[in-house]
N, C-alpha and C. Protein backbone atom coordinates (compact mmCIF):
# COMPACT_ATOMS: atom_id res chain seq x y z
N UNK A 1 -58.01 -13.19 -10.99
CA UNK A 1 -57.01 -12.88 -11.94
C UNK A 1 -55.59 -13.44 -11.59
N UNK A 2 -55.34 -13.48 -10.33
CA UNK A 2 -53.99 -14.06 -9.86
C UNK A 2 -53.96 -15.49 -10.20
N UNK A 3 -55.03 -16.23 -9.86
CA UNK A 3 -55.04 -17.63 -10.07
C UNK A 3 -55.11 -18.00 -11.57
N UNK A 4 -55.85 -17.21 -12.34
CA UNK A 4 -56.06 -17.62 -13.74
C UNK A 4 -54.74 -17.32 -14.56
N UNK A 5 -53.88 -16.52 -14.04
CA UNK A 5 -52.70 -16.16 -14.76
C UNK A 5 -51.39 -16.85 -14.22
N UNK A 6 -51.60 -17.81 -13.36
CA UNK A 6 -50.42 -18.60 -12.86
C UNK A 6 -49.76 -19.30 -14.10
N UNK A 7 -48.41 -19.40 -14.06
CA UNK A 7 -47.70 -20.00 -15.18
C UNK A 7 -46.90 -21.20 -14.70
N UNK A 8 -46.75 -22.20 -15.64
CA UNK A 8 -46.05 -23.47 -15.36
C UNK A 8 -45.17 -23.91 -16.43
N UNK A 9 -44.77 -23.02 -17.28
CA UNK A 9 -44.01 -23.48 -18.46
C UNK A 9 -42.53 -23.79 -18.14
N UNK A 10 -42.00 -23.43 -16.96
CA UNK A 10 -40.66 -23.75 -16.57
C UNK A 10 -40.69 -24.00 -15.08
N UNK A 11 -39.54 -24.50 -14.49
CA UNK A 11 -39.57 -24.76 -13.11
C UNK A 11 -39.65 -23.52 -12.16
N UNK A 12 -39.00 -22.45 -12.66
CA UNK A 12 -39.11 -21.19 -11.95
C UNK A 12 -40.52 -20.67 -11.83
N UNK A 13 -41.14 -20.73 -12.93
CA UNK A 13 -42.63 -20.37 -12.94
C UNK A 13 -43.49 -21.26 -12.16
N UNK A 14 -43.21 -22.49 -12.12
CA UNK A 14 -43.94 -23.49 -11.34
C UNK A 14 -43.74 -23.11 -9.81
N UNK A 15 -42.51 -22.73 -9.45
CA UNK A 15 -42.23 -22.45 -8.08
C UNK A 15 -43.01 -21.20 -7.66
N UNK A 16 -43.07 -20.19 -8.55
CA UNK A 16 -43.84 -18.99 -8.23
C UNK A 16 -45.29 -19.27 -7.97
N UNK A 17 -45.87 -20.13 -8.81
CA UNK A 17 -47.33 -20.50 -8.80
C UNK A 17 -47.50 -21.20 -7.52
N UNK A 18 -46.67 -22.08 -7.13
CA UNK A 18 -46.84 -22.87 -5.94
C UNK A 18 -46.77 -21.95 -4.63
N UNK A 19 -45.77 -21.01 -4.74
CA UNK A 19 -45.79 -20.07 -3.59
C UNK A 19 -47.12 -19.36 -3.42
N UNK A 20 -47.70 -18.93 -4.49
CA UNK A 20 -48.97 -18.25 -4.48
C UNK A 20 -50.08 -19.13 -3.94
N UNK A 21 -50.12 -20.37 -4.33
CA UNK A 21 -51.12 -21.30 -3.92
C UNK A 21 -51.00 -21.72 -2.44
N UNK A 22 -49.82 -21.84 -2.05
CA UNK A 22 -49.47 -22.26 -0.65
C UNK A 22 -49.94 -21.18 0.32
N UNK A 23 -49.81 -19.87 -0.14
CA UNK A 23 -50.27 -18.77 0.70
C UNK A 23 -51.71 -18.54 0.59
N UNK A 24 -52.32 -18.64 -0.57
CA UNK A 24 -53.65 -18.26 -0.78
C UNK A 24 -54.67 -19.48 -0.54
N UNK A 25 -54.30 -20.58 -0.93
CA UNK A 25 -55.29 -21.74 -0.71
C UNK A 25 -54.96 -22.51 0.64
N UNK A 26 -53.80 -22.32 1.25
CA UNK A 26 -53.51 -22.99 2.43
C UNK A 26 -53.23 -22.05 3.61
N UNK A 27 -53.00 -20.75 3.37
CA UNK A 27 -52.78 -19.88 4.44
C UNK A 27 -51.47 -19.92 5.26
N UNK A 28 -50.46 -20.48 4.49
CA UNK A 28 -49.20 -20.65 5.11
C UNK A 28 -48.44 -19.36 5.28
N UNK A 29 -47.70 -19.35 6.40
CA UNK A 29 -46.72 -18.13 6.56
C UNK A 29 -45.57 -18.42 5.64
N UNK A 30 -44.81 -17.29 5.28
CA UNK A 30 -43.71 -17.39 4.42
C UNK A 30 -42.65 -18.34 5.09
N UNK A 31 -42.43 -18.38 6.31
CA UNK A 31 -41.49 -19.29 6.94
C UNK A 31 -41.92 -20.74 6.81
N UNK A 32 -43.22 -20.90 6.85
CA UNK A 32 -43.80 -22.34 6.79
C UNK A 32 -43.62 -22.84 5.44
N UNK A 33 -43.84 -21.96 4.37
CA UNK A 33 -43.58 -22.35 2.98
C UNK A 33 -42.10 -22.80 2.79
N UNK A 34 -41.26 -21.89 3.29
CA UNK A 34 -39.77 -22.07 3.13
C UNK A 34 -39.39 -23.44 3.72
N UNK A 35 -39.92 -23.82 4.83
CA UNK A 35 -39.51 -25.07 5.51
C UNK A 35 -40.37 -26.18 5.27
N UNK A 36 -41.29 -26.19 4.28
CA UNK A 36 -42.21 -27.24 4.01
C UNK A 36 -41.41 -28.36 3.34
N UNK A 37 -41.52 -29.58 3.93
CA UNK A 37 -40.77 -30.69 3.51
C UNK A 37 -41.60 -31.68 2.59
N UNK A 38 -40.96 -32.22 1.60
CA UNK A 38 -41.66 -33.11 0.68
C UNK A 38 -42.37 -34.20 1.33
N UNK A 39 -41.77 -34.78 2.43
CA UNK A 39 -42.49 -35.81 3.14
C UNK A 39 -43.78 -35.39 3.88
N UNK A 40 -43.87 -34.15 4.01
CA UNK A 40 -45.15 -33.62 4.72
C UNK A 40 -46.25 -33.22 3.74
N UNK A 41 -46.03 -33.64 2.48
CA UNK A 41 -47.11 -33.39 1.45
C UNK A 41 -47.69 -34.74 1.05
N UNK A 42 -48.99 -34.89 1.32
CA UNK A 42 -49.61 -36.20 0.99
C UNK A 42 -50.64 -35.92 -0.10
N UNK A 43 -50.30 -36.26 -1.30
CA UNK A 43 -51.12 -36.00 -2.43
C UNK A 43 -52.27 -36.98 -2.57
N UNK A 44 -52.08 -38.12 -1.96
CA UNK A 44 -53.13 -39.11 -1.88
C UNK A 44 -54.38 -38.76 -1.05
N UNK A 45 -53.95 -38.23 0.16
CA UNK A 45 -55.00 -37.79 1.09
C UNK A 45 -55.31 -36.30 0.93
N UNK A 46 -54.51 -35.58 0.12
CA UNK A 46 -54.63 -34.14 -0.12
C UNK A 46 -54.65 -33.35 1.02
N UNK A 47 -53.47 -33.49 1.86
CA UNK A 47 -53.30 -32.73 3.04
C UNK A 47 -51.81 -32.43 3.24
N UNK A 48 -51.52 -31.19 3.78
CA UNK A 48 -50.19 -30.80 4.24
C UNK A 48 -50.05 -30.93 5.65
N UNK A 49 -48.90 -31.30 6.10
CA UNK A 49 -48.55 -31.17 7.56
C UNK A 49 -47.64 -30.19 7.74
N UNK A 50 -48.02 -29.10 8.54
CA UNK A 50 -47.21 -27.85 8.60
C UNK A 50 -46.71 -27.70 10.12
N UNK A 51 -45.41 -27.37 10.21
CA UNK A 51 -44.78 -27.13 11.51
C UNK A 51 -44.83 -25.58 11.64
N UNK A 52 -45.64 -25.00 12.50
CA UNK A 52 -45.79 -23.56 12.63
C UNK A 52 -45.05 -23.03 13.72
N UNK A 53 -45.46 -21.80 14.20
CA UNK A 53 -44.82 -21.12 15.37
C UNK A 53 -44.90 -21.99 16.55
N UNK A 54 -43.75 -21.98 17.33
CA UNK A 54 -43.73 -22.71 18.56
C UNK A 54 -43.67 -24.23 18.23
N UNK A 55 -43.24 -24.62 17.08
CA UNK A 55 -43.25 -26.01 16.64
C UNK A 55 -44.55 -26.75 16.72
N UNK A 56 -45.68 -25.96 16.60
CA UNK A 56 -46.91 -26.61 16.64
C UNK A 56 -47.30 -27.13 15.27
N UNK A 57 -47.79 -28.38 15.30
CA UNK A 57 -48.04 -29.09 14.01
C UNK A 57 -49.61 -28.99 13.67
N UNK A 58 -49.86 -28.73 12.37
CA UNK A 58 -51.30 -28.71 12.00
C UNK A 58 -51.39 -29.25 10.65
N UNK A 59 -52.58 -29.74 10.32
CA UNK A 59 -52.90 -30.26 8.93
C UNK A 59 -53.76 -29.28 8.16
N UNK A 60 -53.39 -29.10 6.85
CA UNK A 60 -54.20 -28.15 6.06
C UNK A 60 -54.53 -29.02 4.81
N UNK A 61 -55.82 -28.89 4.37
CA UNK A 61 -56.22 -29.58 3.09
C UNK A 61 -55.50 -28.94 1.90
N UNK A 62 -55.33 -29.83 0.90
CA UNK A 62 -54.77 -29.36 -0.43
C UNK A 62 -55.94 -29.33 -1.46
N UNK A 63 -56.07 -28.15 -2.01
CA UNK A 63 -57.03 -28.00 -3.08
C UNK A 63 -56.66 -28.82 -4.36
N UNK A 64 -57.62 -29.04 -5.17
CA UNK A 64 -57.40 -29.77 -6.37
C UNK A 64 -56.45 -28.91 -7.32
N UNK A 65 -56.56 -27.65 -7.33
CA UNK A 65 -55.67 -26.78 -8.03
C UNK A 65 -54.21 -26.92 -7.56
N UNK A 66 -54.01 -26.84 -6.29
CA UNK A 66 -52.69 -27.02 -5.71
C UNK A 66 -52.14 -28.34 -6.03
N UNK A 67 -52.92 -29.46 -5.84
CA UNK A 67 -52.53 -30.76 -6.04
C UNK A 67 -52.00 -30.86 -7.57
N UNK A 68 -52.69 -30.38 -8.43
CA UNK A 68 -52.41 -30.52 -9.81
C UNK A 68 -50.98 -29.83 -10.01
N UNK A 69 -50.77 -28.60 -9.45
CA UNK A 69 -49.47 -27.94 -9.61
C UNK A 69 -48.35 -28.70 -8.97
N UNK A 70 -48.62 -29.24 -7.85
CA UNK A 70 -47.55 -30.10 -7.05
C UNK A 70 -47.19 -31.34 -7.94
N UNK A 71 -48.15 -32.00 -8.51
CA UNK A 71 -47.88 -33.19 -9.38
C UNK A 71 -46.94 -32.79 -10.59
N UNK A 72 -47.29 -31.74 -11.18
CA UNK A 72 -46.58 -31.27 -12.29
C UNK A 72 -45.09 -30.94 -11.98
N UNK A 73 -44.98 -30.26 -10.78
CA UNK A 73 -43.67 -29.87 -10.25
C UNK A 73 -42.83 -31.06 -10.03
N UNK A 74 -43.46 -32.00 -9.32
CA UNK A 74 -42.71 -33.22 -8.88
C UNK A 74 -42.31 -34.03 -10.20
N UNK A 75 -43.24 -34.13 -11.10
CA UNK A 75 -42.95 -34.86 -12.32
C UNK A 75 -41.72 -34.27 -13.13
N UNK A 76 -41.64 -33.01 -13.21
CA UNK A 76 -40.59 -32.34 -13.90
C UNK A 76 -39.30 -32.01 -13.13
N UNK A 77 -39.36 -32.21 -11.74
CA UNK A 77 -38.28 -31.93 -10.91
C UNK A 77 -38.04 -32.93 -9.88
N UNK A 78 -37.69 -34.11 -10.26
CA UNK A 78 -37.46 -35.19 -9.20
C UNK A 78 -36.17 -35.08 -8.46
N UNK A 79 -36.47 -34.84 -7.10
CA UNK A 79 -35.29 -34.63 -6.21
C UNK A 79 -35.49 -35.52 -5.08
N UNK A 80 -35.22 -36.84 -5.17
CA UNK A 80 -35.44 -37.84 -4.15
C UNK A 80 -34.65 -37.55 -2.83
N UNK A 81 -33.51 -36.93 -3.02
CA UNK A 81 -32.65 -36.66 -1.83
C UNK A 81 -32.81 -35.31 -1.18
N UNK A 82 -33.60 -34.43 -1.81
CA UNK A 82 -33.88 -33.19 -1.24
C UNK A 82 -35.03 -33.14 -0.24
N UNK A 83 -34.84 -32.75 1.04
CA UNK A 83 -35.78 -32.83 1.97
C UNK A 83 -36.90 -31.75 1.90
N UNK A 84 -36.57 -30.52 1.28
CA UNK A 84 -37.53 -29.50 1.25
C UNK A 84 -38.13 -29.31 -0.10
N UNK A 85 -39.39 -28.86 -0.12
CA UNK A 85 -40.13 -28.61 -1.43
C UNK A 85 -39.30 -27.53 -2.16
N UNK A 86 -38.86 -26.54 -1.54
CA UNK A 86 -37.99 -25.52 -2.19
C UNK A 86 -36.64 -25.46 -1.46
N UNK A 87 -35.68 -25.98 -2.12
CA UNK A 87 -34.27 -26.01 -1.54
C UNK A 87 -33.59 -24.70 -1.78
N UNK A 88 -32.61 -24.41 -1.00
CA UNK A 88 -31.73 -23.30 -1.15
C UNK A 88 -30.92 -23.51 -2.40
N UNK A 89 -30.63 -22.39 -3.18
CA UNK A 89 -29.75 -22.65 -4.38
C UNK A 89 -28.39 -23.06 -4.06
N UNK A 90 -27.97 -22.81 -2.80
CA UNK A 90 -26.66 -23.19 -2.38
C UNK A 90 -26.44 -24.62 -1.88
N UNK A 91 -27.58 -25.17 -1.35
CA UNK A 91 -27.61 -26.53 -0.88
C UNK A 91 -28.99 -27.08 -0.84
N UNK A 92 -29.09 -28.28 -1.50
CA UNK A 92 -30.43 -28.89 -1.46
C UNK A 92 -30.92 -29.38 -0.09
N UNK A 93 -29.95 -29.37 0.84
CA UNK A 93 -30.28 -29.83 2.20
C UNK A 93 -30.72 -28.76 3.18
N UNK A 94 -30.84 -27.50 2.58
CA UNK A 94 -31.30 -26.34 3.34
C UNK A 94 -32.46 -25.71 2.77
N UNK A 95 -33.36 -25.16 3.56
CA UNK A 95 -34.56 -24.50 2.95
C UNK A 95 -34.26 -23.20 2.27
N UNK A 96 -35.06 -22.85 1.30
CA UNK A 96 -34.90 -21.59 0.54
C UNK A 96 -35.05 -20.40 1.46
N UNK A 97 -34.53 -19.27 1.18
CA UNK A 97 -34.61 -18.11 1.95
C UNK A 97 -35.98 -17.44 1.61
N UNK A 98 -36.75 -16.92 2.63
CA UNK A 98 -38.08 -16.37 2.31
C UNK A 98 -38.02 -15.19 1.29
N UNK A 99 -36.92 -14.58 1.09
CA UNK A 99 -36.83 -13.51 0.06
C UNK A 99 -37.17 -13.99 -1.26
N UNK A 100 -36.79 -15.26 -1.62
CA UNK A 100 -37.08 -15.76 -2.98
C UNK A 100 -38.60 -15.99 -3.13
N UNK A 101 -39.18 -16.44 -2.03
CA UNK A 101 -40.70 -16.70 -2.13
C UNK A 101 -41.43 -15.39 -2.38
N UNK A 102 -40.96 -14.31 -1.70
CA UNK A 102 -41.71 -13.04 -1.89
C UNK A 102 -41.42 -12.49 -3.30
N UNK A 103 -40.22 -12.76 -3.85
CA UNK A 103 -39.89 -12.36 -5.24
C UNK A 103 -40.88 -13.13 -6.23
N UNK A 104 -41.08 -14.39 -5.91
CA UNK A 104 -41.94 -15.19 -6.85
C UNK A 104 -43.40 -14.72 -6.77
N UNK A 105 -43.85 -14.35 -5.60
CA UNK A 105 -45.23 -13.88 -5.49
C UNK A 105 -45.41 -12.54 -6.20
N UNK A 106 -44.45 -11.69 -6.17
CA UNK A 106 -44.56 -10.46 -6.83
C UNK A 106 -44.47 -10.67 -8.39
N UNK A 107 -43.82 -11.77 -8.79
CA UNK A 107 -43.72 -12.04 -10.31
C UNK A 107 -45.06 -12.54 -10.68
N UNK A 108 -45.70 -13.35 -9.88
CA UNK A 108 -47.09 -13.78 -10.22
C UNK A 108 -48.09 -12.63 -10.30
N UNK A 109 -47.89 -11.65 -9.41
CA UNK A 109 -48.77 -10.46 -9.45
C UNK A 109 -48.55 -9.74 -10.76
N UNK A 110 -47.34 -9.68 -11.25
CA UNK A 110 -47.12 -9.09 -12.55
C UNK A 110 -47.78 -9.83 -13.72
N UNK A 111 -47.79 -11.17 -13.61
CA UNK A 111 -48.47 -11.97 -14.71
C UNK A 111 -50.00 -11.61 -14.67
N UNK A 112 -50.52 -11.35 -13.51
CA UNK A 112 -51.93 -11.10 -13.37
C UNK A 112 -52.27 -9.65 -13.71
N UNK A 113 -51.23 -8.79 -13.93
CA UNK A 113 -51.52 -7.36 -14.18
C UNK A 113 -51.96 -6.57 -13.02
N UNK A 114 -51.72 -7.00 -11.83
CA UNK A 114 -52.13 -6.16 -10.66
C UNK A 114 -51.52 -4.85 -10.64
N UNK A 115 -52.22 -3.85 -10.24
CA UNK A 115 -51.86 -2.48 -10.37
C UNK A 115 -50.49 -2.22 -9.58
N UNK A 116 -50.33 -2.73 -8.34
CA UNK A 116 -49.13 -2.55 -7.69
C UNK A 116 -48.57 -3.93 -7.21
N UNK A 117 -47.98 -4.62 -8.10
CA UNK A 117 -47.50 -5.98 -7.80
C UNK A 117 -46.46 -6.02 -6.65
N UNK A 118 -45.73 -4.96 -6.44
CA UNK A 118 -44.69 -5.01 -5.33
C UNK A 118 -45.40 -5.13 -4.01
N UNK A 119 -46.72 -4.76 -3.92
CA UNK A 119 -47.43 -4.87 -2.61
C UNK A 119 -47.90 -6.19 -2.26
N UNK A 120 -47.93 -7.13 -3.19
CA UNK A 120 -48.41 -8.46 -2.94
C UNK A 120 -47.31 -9.27 -2.21
N UNK A 121 -47.63 -9.77 -1.09
CA UNK A 121 -46.77 -10.62 -0.29
C UNK A 121 -47.40 -11.87 0.17
N UNK A 122 -46.73 -12.81 0.68
CA UNK A 122 -47.18 -14.01 1.19
C UNK A 122 -48.12 -13.69 2.37
N UNK A 123 -47.77 -12.68 3.15
CA UNK A 123 -48.58 -12.23 4.32
C UNK A 123 -50.01 -11.79 3.90
N UNK A 124 -49.98 -11.13 2.77
CA UNK A 124 -51.28 -10.60 2.22
C UNK A 124 -52.14 -11.84 1.74
N UNK A 125 -51.51 -12.80 1.16
CA UNK A 125 -52.22 -13.95 0.65
C UNK A 125 -52.74 -14.79 1.90
N UNK A 126 -51.98 -14.82 2.87
CA UNK A 126 -52.43 -15.54 4.10
C UNK A 126 -53.63 -14.84 4.79
N UNK A 127 -53.53 -13.50 4.85
CA UNK A 127 -54.76 -12.72 5.40
C UNK A 127 -55.98 -12.90 4.50
N UNK A 128 -55.70 -13.03 3.16
CA UNK A 128 -56.86 -13.12 2.31
C UNK A 128 -57.49 -14.54 2.47
N UNK A 129 -56.64 -15.55 2.74
CA UNK A 129 -57.12 -16.91 3.06
C UNK A 129 -57.97 -16.91 4.35
N UNK A 130 -57.57 -16.20 5.36
CA UNK A 130 -58.26 -16.10 6.56
C UNK A 130 -59.67 -15.37 6.53
N UNK A 131 -59.51 -14.30 5.73
CA UNK A 131 -60.80 -13.44 5.56
C UNK A 131 -61.83 -14.24 4.72
N UNK A 132 -61.41 -14.98 3.68
CA UNK A 132 -62.41 -15.71 2.93
C UNK A 132 -62.85 -16.91 3.61
N UNK A 133 -62.17 -17.52 4.53
CA UNK A 133 -62.68 -18.53 5.41
C UNK A 133 -63.85 -17.98 6.23
N UNK A 134 -63.57 -16.81 6.85
CA UNK A 134 -64.56 -16.17 7.70
C UNK A 134 -65.82 -15.83 6.91
N UNK A 135 -65.67 -15.29 5.69
CA UNK A 135 -66.73 -14.92 4.93
C UNK A 135 -67.56 -16.15 4.35
N UNK A 136 -66.92 -17.27 4.40
CA UNK A 136 -67.64 -18.49 3.97
C UNK A 136 -68.29 -19.11 5.16
N UNK A 137 -68.20 -18.60 6.34
CA UNK A 137 -68.94 -19.15 7.52
C UNK A 137 -68.05 -19.97 8.42
N UNK A 138 -66.75 -20.06 8.24
CA UNK A 138 -65.89 -20.87 9.12
C UNK A 138 -65.91 -20.23 10.53
N UNK A 139 -65.83 -21.15 11.49
CA UNK A 139 -65.83 -20.72 12.90
C UNK A 139 -64.49 -20.24 13.38
N UNK A 140 -64.36 -19.51 14.43
CA UNK A 140 -63.03 -19.08 14.91
C UNK A 140 -62.17 -20.30 15.19
N UNK A 141 -62.73 -21.45 15.62
CA UNK A 141 -62.02 -22.59 15.96
C UNK A 141 -61.39 -23.18 14.68
N UNK A 142 -62.16 -23.20 13.66
CA UNK A 142 -61.74 -23.74 12.28
C UNK A 142 -60.69 -22.91 11.77
N UNK A 143 -60.77 -21.55 11.84
CA UNK A 143 -59.82 -20.61 11.41
C UNK A 143 -58.53 -20.75 12.15
N UNK A 144 -58.66 -20.88 13.47
CA UNK A 144 -57.46 -21.07 14.29
C UNK A 144 -56.75 -22.34 13.99
N UNK A 145 -57.40 -23.46 13.75
CA UNK A 145 -56.79 -24.72 13.41
C UNK A 145 -56.11 -24.72 12.04
N UNK A 146 -56.75 -24.01 11.04
CA UNK A 146 -56.20 -24.03 9.71
C UNK A 146 -55.05 -23.04 9.60
N UNK A 147 -55.14 -21.96 10.32
CA UNK A 147 -54.07 -20.98 10.20
C UNK A 147 -52.94 -21.12 11.24
N UNK A 148 -53.16 -21.85 12.23
CA UNK A 148 -52.16 -22.09 13.26
C UNK A 148 -51.94 -20.93 14.22
N UNK A 149 -53.11 -20.29 14.57
CA UNK A 149 -52.97 -19.13 15.51
C UNK A 149 -52.63 -19.61 16.90
N UNK A 150 -51.85 -18.80 17.57
CA UNK A 150 -51.57 -19.24 18.96
C UNK A 150 -52.68 -18.88 19.95
N UNK A 151 -53.52 -17.94 19.53
CA UNK A 151 -54.70 -17.56 20.31
C UNK A 151 -55.93 -17.40 19.58
N UNK A 152 -57.05 -17.90 20.15
CA UNK A 152 -58.26 -17.70 19.38
C UNK A 152 -58.67 -16.25 19.22
N UNK A 153 -58.08 -15.31 19.96
CA UNK A 153 -58.41 -13.90 19.81
C UNK A 153 -57.95 -13.48 18.50
N UNK A 154 -56.84 -13.98 17.91
CA UNK A 154 -56.44 -13.61 16.60
C UNK A 154 -57.45 -14.09 15.55
N UNK A 155 -57.89 -15.28 15.70
CA UNK A 155 -58.87 -15.81 14.76
C UNK A 155 -60.16 -15.02 14.82
N UNK A 156 -60.52 -14.49 15.96
CA UNK A 156 -61.78 -13.74 16.12
C UNK A 156 -61.76 -12.49 15.32
N UNK A 157 -60.52 -11.89 15.06
CA UNK A 157 -60.42 -10.74 14.26
C UNK A 157 -60.95 -10.87 12.86
N UNK A 158 -60.69 -12.07 12.25
CA UNK A 158 -61.18 -12.38 10.90
C UNK A 158 -62.66 -12.43 10.89
N UNK A 159 -63.29 -13.06 11.91
CA UNK A 159 -64.71 -13.08 11.94
C UNK A 159 -65.39 -11.71 12.06
N UNK A 160 -64.78 -10.90 12.97
CA UNK A 160 -65.30 -9.56 13.18
C UNK A 160 -65.19 -8.68 11.86
N UNK A 161 -64.15 -8.77 11.22
CA UNK A 161 -63.89 -8.05 9.97
C UNK A 161 -64.78 -8.54 8.81
N UNK A 162 -65.12 -9.78 8.75
CA UNK A 162 -65.87 -10.33 7.66
C UNK A 162 -67.20 -10.87 7.98
N UNK A 163 -67.87 -10.19 8.99
CA UNK A 163 -69.15 -10.63 9.47
C UNK A 163 -70.27 -10.51 8.32
N UNK A 164 -70.13 -11.45 7.41
CA UNK A 164 -71.04 -11.40 6.23
C UNK A 164 -72.49 -11.58 6.63
N UNK A 165 -72.79 -12.47 7.53
CA UNK A 165 -74.23 -12.72 7.87
C UNK A 165 -74.90 -11.44 8.50
N UNK A 166 -74.08 -10.81 9.34
CA UNK A 166 -74.75 -9.59 9.92
C UNK A 166 -74.87 -8.43 8.93
N UNK A 167 -74.05 -8.34 8.01
CA UNK A 167 -74.17 -7.35 6.99
C UNK A 167 -75.28 -7.66 6.10
N UNK A 168 -75.57 -8.83 5.86
CA UNK A 168 -76.66 -9.29 4.91
C UNK A 168 -78.01 -8.98 5.72
N UNK A 169 -77.92 -9.23 7.00
CA UNK A 169 -79.17 -8.97 7.85
C UNK A 169 -79.43 -7.54 7.78
N UNK A 170 -78.51 -6.71 7.93
CA UNK A 170 -78.68 -5.25 7.94
C UNK A 170 -79.20 -4.79 6.58
N UNK A 171 -78.57 -5.31 5.55
CA UNK A 171 -78.91 -4.92 4.17
C UNK A 171 -80.37 -5.30 3.92
N UNK A 172 -80.82 -6.51 4.41
CA UNK A 172 -82.22 -6.92 4.26
C UNK A 172 -83.19 -6.01 4.94
N UNK A 173 -82.82 -5.46 6.08
CA UNK A 173 -83.69 -4.72 6.87
C UNK A 173 -83.71 -3.20 6.45
N UNK A 174 -82.51 -2.70 5.99
CA UNK A 174 -82.46 -1.24 5.71
C UNK A 174 -82.09 -0.94 4.36
N UNK A 175 -81.88 -1.84 3.40
CA UNK A 175 -81.48 -1.56 2.09
C UNK A 175 -80.09 -1.82 1.85
N UNK A 176 -79.57 -1.36 0.67
CA UNK A 176 -78.29 -1.58 0.28
C UNK A 176 -77.22 -0.70 0.81
N UNK A 177 -77.28 -0.62 2.17
CA UNK A 177 -76.36 0.34 2.83
C UNK A 177 -74.93 -0.41 2.87
N UNK A 178 -74.95 -1.62 2.90
CA UNK A 178 -73.69 -2.36 2.98
C UNK A 178 -73.66 -3.34 1.86
N UNK A 179 -72.57 -3.38 1.12
CA UNK A 179 -72.41 -4.33 -0.04
C UNK A 179 -71.42 -5.41 0.40
N UNK A 180 -71.83 -6.66 0.25
CA UNK A 180 -71.00 -7.79 0.59
C UNK A 180 -70.35 -8.25 -0.78
N UNK A 181 -69.05 -8.41 -0.71
CA UNK A 181 -68.32 -8.88 -1.88
C UNK A 181 -67.12 -9.62 -1.44
N UNK A 182 -66.64 -10.52 -2.31
CA UNK A 182 -65.51 -11.33 -1.99
C UNK A 182 -64.23 -10.45 -2.19
N UNK A 183 -63.18 -10.94 -1.61
CA UNK A 183 -61.88 -10.21 -1.64
C UNK A 183 -61.39 -10.40 -3.09
N UNK A 184 -61.03 -9.31 -3.72
CA UNK A 184 -60.60 -9.31 -5.15
C UNK A 184 -59.21 -8.64 -5.23
N UNK A 185 -58.15 -9.37 -5.21
CA UNK A 185 -56.81 -8.79 -5.27
C UNK A 185 -56.55 -8.10 -6.65
N UNK A 186 -57.38 -8.48 -7.67
CA UNK A 186 -57.08 -7.98 -9.00
C UNK A 186 -57.66 -6.68 -9.27
N UNK A 187 -58.71 -6.25 -8.41
CA UNK A 187 -59.34 -4.97 -8.70
C UNK A 187 -58.41 -3.82 -8.22
N UNK A 188 -58.78 -2.60 -8.74
CA UNK A 188 -57.92 -1.42 -8.46
C UNK A 188 -57.82 -1.23 -6.89
N UNK A 189 -56.60 -1.28 -6.37
CA UNK A 189 -56.48 -1.13 -4.90
C UNK A 189 -56.73 -2.37 -4.11
N UNK A 190 -56.90 -3.52 -4.75
CA UNK A 190 -57.32 -4.72 -4.11
C UNK A 190 -56.34 -5.18 -2.99
N UNK A 191 -55.12 -5.10 -3.37
CA UNK A 191 -54.10 -5.55 -2.40
C UNK A 191 -54.09 -4.62 -1.15
N UNK A 192 -54.11 -3.27 -1.55
CA UNK A 192 -54.16 -2.23 -0.46
C UNK A 192 -55.37 -2.47 0.38
N UNK A 193 -56.52 -2.90 -0.15
CA UNK A 193 -57.73 -2.99 0.66
C UNK A 193 -57.56 -4.06 1.67
N UNK A 194 -56.85 -5.16 1.30
CA UNK A 194 -56.53 -6.27 2.25
C UNK A 194 -55.72 -5.80 3.40
N UNK A 195 -54.67 -5.01 3.05
CA UNK A 195 -53.81 -4.42 4.04
C UNK A 195 -54.50 -3.45 4.99
N UNK A 196 -55.35 -2.69 4.43
CA UNK A 196 -56.05 -1.59 5.20
C UNK A 196 -56.94 -2.25 6.22
N UNK A 197 -57.60 -3.33 5.93
CA UNK A 197 -58.54 -4.01 6.88
C UNK A 197 -57.77 -4.54 8.17
N UNK A 198 -56.49 -4.73 7.97
CA UNK A 198 -55.79 -5.27 9.12
C UNK A 198 -54.88 -4.19 9.86
N UNK A 199 -54.79 -3.03 9.25
CA UNK A 199 -54.08 -1.91 9.92
C UNK A 199 -54.87 -1.43 11.10
N UNK A 200 -56.13 -1.67 11.04
CA UNK A 200 -57.00 -1.26 12.19
C UNK A 200 -56.90 -2.13 13.38
N UNK A 201 -56.29 -3.35 13.27
CA UNK A 201 -56.09 -4.28 14.35
C UNK A 201 -54.90 -3.94 15.13
N UNK A 202 -54.75 -4.41 16.32
CA UNK A 202 -53.60 -4.24 17.14
C UNK A 202 -52.52 -5.14 16.42
N UNK A 203 -51.34 -4.56 16.09
CA UNK A 203 -50.41 -5.25 15.36
C UNK A 203 -49.91 -6.51 16.07
N UNK A 204 -49.83 -6.49 17.38
CA UNK A 204 -49.30 -7.66 18.16
C UNK A 204 -50.15 -8.87 18.14
N UNK A 205 -51.48 -8.58 17.69
CA UNK A 205 -52.36 -9.71 17.63
C UNK A 205 -52.32 -10.49 16.36
N UNK A 206 -51.78 -9.87 15.29
CA UNK A 206 -51.66 -10.54 14.02
C UNK A 206 -50.38 -11.33 13.93
N UNK A 207 -50.50 -12.60 13.47
CA UNK A 207 -49.37 -13.45 13.30
C UNK A 207 -49.07 -13.74 11.88
């Protein structure tokens, strides 16, 4: 629902849609989105270069959906002298404040008709990204590299929470005791369910 209802009819709506996709399709932190530079976006190779915590650099693939939104944004908003994808309203040479990004994400949640749009944050989108990687069979090393975790122990949490294969094995042996389903932010309590899964973890381990 969130992706189906993204809007691109003006620049502000395009920014909101890009903020959602950078969090949900790329797993970027809110600070990483704010500091993302245009030069680090390669639409030909479909890859982003991200400078994360501790100035660690990583590469993240760009989905076709995100690439399409970026092309439309660049076509309608040419800023050859602006270094950042999202510049500060006060100066094009400074990154946007993360508060604006969070406001845009909540606006997108309203477009989708989510029950509690104020609960959707870039952090939730990032955790959803990691969870769905794990549920799709990504290894802890792949999750670490894509999300920029400082420790593989953080990446292991996603695999433990989303152990799809073990749940399927249990279901096959003992019946439908466990139901495997994809993360759905649009369902009733969907955002809260993502948050609840991570409240059980030690907060210091989550980045």
